Protein backbone atom coordinates (compact mmCIF):
# COMPACT_ATOMS: atom_id res chain seq x y z
CA MET A 1 168.98 162.51 20.87
CA ILE A 2 166.76 162.21 17.78
CA ARG A 3 166.21 165.34 15.74
CA ASP A 4 165.37 166.61 12.27
CA VAL A 5 168.17 166.46 9.73
CA GLU A 6 169.40 169.80 8.45
CA LYS A 7 170.06 170.35 4.77
CA SER A 8 173.73 171.00 5.55
CA GLU A 9 173.99 167.46 7.00
CA LEU A 10 172.83 165.52 3.93
CA SER A 11 176.36 164.57 2.91
CA ARG A 12 177.01 163.16 6.38
CA CYS A 13 173.68 161.32 6.29
CA ALA A 14 174.50 159.77 2.91
CA GLU A 15 177.80 158.51 4.29
CA LEU A 16 176.06 157.12 7.40
CA ILE A 17 173.52 155.29 5.22
CA ARG A 18 176.18 153.85 2.91
CA ARG A 19 178.34 152.66 5.83
CA SER A 20 175.36 151.14 7.60
CA PHE A 21 174.04 149.28 4.57
CA MET A 22 177.51 148.13 3.50
CA THR A 23 177.43 145.40 6.15
CA VAL A 24 174.33 143.96 4.45
CA ALA A 25 176.06 144.19 1.07
CA GLU A 26 179.06 142.32 2.46
CA ASP A 27 176.93 139.68 4.19
CA PHE A 28 174.98 138.90 1.01
CA GLY A 29 177.65 139.48 -1.63
CA PHE A 30 176.15 142.64 -3.15
CA THR A 31 178.54 144.83 -5.12
CA ALA A 32 178.31 148.07 -7.05
CA GLU A 33 178.40 145.89 -10.17
CA ASN A 34 175.65 143.38 -9.32
CA ALA A 35 173.45 145.75 -7.26
CA PRO A 36 174.24 149.37 -8.19
CA GLY A 37 170.81 150.49 -6.94
CA PHE A 38 171.27 148.96 -3.49
CA THR A 39 171.35 151.56 -0.74
CA ALA A 40 175.00 150.91 0.19
CA PHE A 41 175.99 152.10 -3.27
CA ALA A 42 173.16 154.45 -4.24
CA ALA A 43 172.76 156.80 -1.25
CA THR A 44 174.10 160.20 -2.27
CA GLU A 45 173.76 163.74 -1.05
CA GLU A 46 171.94 164.60 -4.29
CA ARG A 47 169.41 161.80 -3.80
CA LEU A 48 168.76 162.87 -0.21
CA LEU A 49 168.37 166.49 -1.31
CA TYR A 50 165.73 165.40 -3.84
CA GLN A 51 163.95 163.36 -1.14
CA LEU A 52 164.00 166.32 1.24
CA GLU A 53 162.97 169.08 -1.15
CA GLN A 54 160.90 167.35 -3.83
CA GLU A 55 159.37 164.39 -1.99
CA ARG A 56 159.11 166.35 1.28
CA ARG A 57 160.32 163.40 3.33
CA VAL A 58 160.67 163.61 7.07
CA MET A 59 164.36 162.96 7.78
CA ARG A 60 165.51 162.24 11.31
CA ALA A 61 168.86 161.38 12.82
CA TYR A 62 170.10 160.01 16.12
CA CYS A 63 173.02 162.06 17.40
CA THR A 64 175.47 161.40 20.20
CA GLY A 65 176.06 164.01 22.88
CA GLY A 66 179.07 165.12 20.85
CA GLY A 67 176.94 165.68 17.75
CA GLN A 68 178.00 162.60 15.77
CA LEU A 69 175.25 161.21 13.54
CA ILE A 70 174.97 157.48 14.26
CA GLY A 71 171.45 156.60 13.10
CA TYR A 72 168.98 157.75 10.47
CA TYR A 73 165.57 157.17 8.88
CA SER A 74 163.21 158.93 6.51
CA LEU A 75 159.44 158.82 6.05
CA LEU A 76 157.70 159.30 2.72
CA PRO A 77 154.03 160.24 3.15
CA GLN A 78 151.85 158.45 0.61
CA ASP A 79 148.48 159.40 -0.84
CA ASN A 80 146.60 156.58 0.92
CA ASP A 81 147.17 157.80 4.50
CA GLU A 82 150.17 155.49 4.69
CA CYS A 83 153.87 156.24 4.78
CA GLU A 84 156.99 154.43 3.72
CA LEU A 85 159.80 154.03 6.23
CA SER A 86 163.13 154.18 4.42
CA ASN A 87 166.78 153.70 5.28
CA LEU A 88 166.36 153.05 8.99
CA CYS A 89 169.98 152.42 9.90
CA VAL A 90 172.58 152.58 12.64
CA LEU A 91 176.34 152.62 12.21
CA PRO A 92 177.74 149.13 12.83
CA GLU A 93 179.72 150.13 15.92
CA TYR A 94 176.54 151.42 17.63
CA ARG A 95 174.27 148.48 16.87
CA ARG A 96 172.63 146.44 19.62
CA SER A 97 172.46 149.54 21.80
CA GLY A 98 168.74 150.24 21.32
CA VAL A 99 169.25 153.10 18.87
CA ALA A 100 167.32 151.37 16.05
CA SER A 101 164.36 150.74 18.36
CA LEU A 102 164.37 154.39 19.41
CA LEU A 103 164.45 155.49 15.77
CA LEU A 104 161.57 153.16 14.90
CA GLU A 105 159.49 154.47 17.79
CA ASP A 106 160.24 158.03 16.70
CA ALA A 107 159.17 157.13 13.15
CA ARG A 108 155.86 155.76 14.46
CA LEU A 109 155.24 158.97 16.39
CA ARG A 110 156.12 161.20 13.42
CA ALA A 111 153.96 159.17 11.07
CA GLY A 112 151.04 159.46 13.49
CA GLU A 113 151.56 163.21 13.73
CA LEU A 114 151.31 163.32 9.93
CA GLY A 115 147.91 161.61 10.16
CA ARG A 116 149.14 158.32 8.72
CA VAL A 117 147.38 155.09 9.68
CA LYS A 118 149.89 152.58 8.35
CA MET A 119 153.66 152.36 7.83
CA ASN A 120 155.29 150.11 5.25
CA ILE A 121 158.87 149.14 4.50
CA GLY A 122 160.82 147.16 1.96
CA ILE A 123 163.77 145.01 2.99
CA VAL A 124 166.12 142.41 1.57
CA GLU A 125 163.89 139.36 1.96
CA GLU A 126 166.87 137.05 2.48
CA ASN A 127 167.89 139.08 5.55
CA ARG A 128 165.92 136.89 7.99
CA PRO A 129 167.25 138.53 11.19
CA LEU A 130 166.07 141.93 9.97
CA ARG A 131 162.65 140.56 9.05
CA ARG A 132 162.33 138.97 12.50
CA TRP A 133 163.39 142.28 14.10
CA TYR A 134 160.58 144.16 12.34
CA GLU A 135 158.05 141.41 13.01
CA SER A 136 158.93 141.47 16.72
CA ARG A 137 157.99 145.15 16.65
CA GLY A 138 154.54 144.65 15.17
CA PHE A 139 155.21 144.54 11.44
CA VAL A 140 153.47 141.93 9.29
CA HIS A 141 155.04 140.44 6.18
CA THR A 142 152.82 141.22 3.17
CA GLY A 143 154.70 139.78 0.21
CA THR A 144 157.76 139.73 -1.98
CA GLU A 145 158.84 140.94 -5.39
CA LYS A 146 161.85 140.04 -7.51
CA PHE A 147 163.43 142.73 -9.70
CA GLU A 148 166.00 141.93 -12.39
CA ARG A 149 168.18 144.83 -11.25
CA PHE A 150 168.76 143.28 -7.81
CA PRO A 151 170.42 139.96 -6.88
CA PHE A 152 167.94 139.63 -4.01
CA THR A 153 164.21 139.52 -3.43
CA CYS A 154 162.44 142.56 -1.98
CA GLY A 155 160.30 141.74 1.03
CA TYR A 156 157.49 144.01 2.17
CA LEU A 157 156.18 144.56 5.68
CA GLU A 158 153.64 146.91 7.21
CA THR A 159 152.22 147.91 10.55
CA ALA A 160 149.16 149.83 11.67
CA LEU A 161 149.86 153.03 13.59
């Protein structure tokens, strides 16, 4: 079941995000020292609280029948009738079960309900399987950017809604 995240669950969501993104960190050799701003190290309850209350992000979670949070995403509405999809993730032990696809479809629906016409996302460009996953779901690669603070290149994708 996919539902809105409650404020009281932000700590659990931060842990879910960190655990989910840690596999990417391990695969690509990211550490808290060489990539402190990477999601696996930077997702905190305080950051999520700011995103919820100040940025007014839509935050949604996939929950098991027993109430365990196993997937998450947020949407940041932008001024140009677009929105940014952030932190779409699923705990490693629940991957390849269709949860990520369900979360992405939910994000598309929510973005449309917000009157958005386009959704964009930033990913680790070197993560080719993830890029292919998004492209197979209608996203188009629009470019890259290299930041000194990251040991990877940021790749950008978007899709019309």
